Protein backbone atom coordinates (compact mmCIF):
# COMPACT_ATOMS: atom_id res chain seq x y z
CA UNK A 1 8.37 -11.91 14.67
CA UNK A 2 11.71 -13.40 15.66
CA UNK A 3 14.07 -10.85 13.97
CA UNK A 4 11.99 -7.92 15.38
CA UNK A 5 12.41 -9.60 18.67
CA UNK A 6 16.13 -10.17 17.88
CA UNK A 7 15.92 -13.80 18.50
CA UNK A 8 16.80 -16.63 16.25
CA UNK A 9 14.46 -18.89 14.87
CA UNK A 10 15.27 -22.24 13.25
CA UNK A 11 12.49 -24.43 12.16
CA UNK A 12 12.58 -28.35 11.73
CA UNK A 13 13.64 -29.20 8.47
CA UNK A 14 10.49 -31.32 8.35
CA UNK A 15 8.50 -28.42 9.22
CA UNK A 16 10.24 -26.35 6.47
CA UNK A 17 9.76 -28.98 4.19
CA UNK A 18 6.05 -29.43 4.71
CA UNK A 19 5.57 -25.24 4.23
CA UNK A 20 7.82 -24.79 1.52
CA UNK A 21 4.89 -26.11 -1.18
CA UNK A 22 2.22 -24.77 0.70
CA UNK A 23 4.08 -21.34 -0.07
CA UNK A 24 4.97 -22.14 -3.40
CA UNK A 25 0.94 -22.47 -3.93
CA UNK A 26 0.05 -19.32 -2.71
CA UNK A 27 -0.79 -17.19 -5.92
CA UNK A 28 1.57 -14.31 -6.32
CA UNK A 29 0.22 -10.93 -8.48
CA UNK A 30 -1.43 -7.41 -7.33
CA UNK A 31 -3.36 -9.04 -4.86
CA UNK A 32 -0.31 -9.51 -2.45
CA UNK A 33 -0.41 -5.39 -2.58
CA UNK A 34 -3.41 -4.90 -1.05
CA UNK A 35 -3.20 -4.17 2.72
CA UNK A 36 -5.60 -6.65 3.51
CA UNK A 37 -3.45 -9.50 1.88
CA UNK A 38 -1.78 -11.27 4.52
CA UNK A 39 1.61 -11.77 2.37
CA UNK A 40 3.66 -9.21 0.12
CA UNK A 41 4.63 -9.90 -3.55
CA UNK A 42 7.28 -12.92 -3.98
CA UNK A 43 10.87 -11.59 -3.58
CA UNK A 44 12.95 -13.01 -6.55
CA UNK A 45 16.07 -14.47 -7.06
CA UNK A 46 16.18 -16.88 -3.77
CA UNK A 47 15.69 -20.56 -5.85
CA UNK A 48 19.63 -21.63 -4.55
CA UNK A 49 18.64 -20.34 -1.15
CA UNK A 50 17.87 -22.92 1.20
CA UNK A 51 14.47 -24.47 1.54
CA UNK A 52 13.48 -21.82 4.62
CA UNK A 53 14.62 -18.99 2.90
CA UNK A 54 12.66 -19.84 -0.39
CA UNK A 55 9.68 -20.22 2.04
CA UNK A 56 10.01 -16.65 3.28
CA UNK A 57 10.98 -15.09 0.24
CA UNK A 58 7.85 -16.71 -1.82
CA UNK A 59 5.41 -15.31 1.21
CA UNK A 60 7.64 -11.70 0.38
CA UNK A 61 9.73 -11.84 3.41
CA UNK A 62 13.20 -10.77 2.81
CA UNK A 63 15.26 -13.94 4.51
């Protein structure tokens, strides 16, 4: 939402550290292509990115 509103969003390190393992545990696969699934397929190639960018990519959001 922050991107669509053109406002910066910088979650705290503790929040990202707590949320990243949960995001990585969300099953990836064809079910994410369903219009009713809340996340898109994971975006590969962000293994060396910041933890927040890895979290976004794991949930199908382009960091």
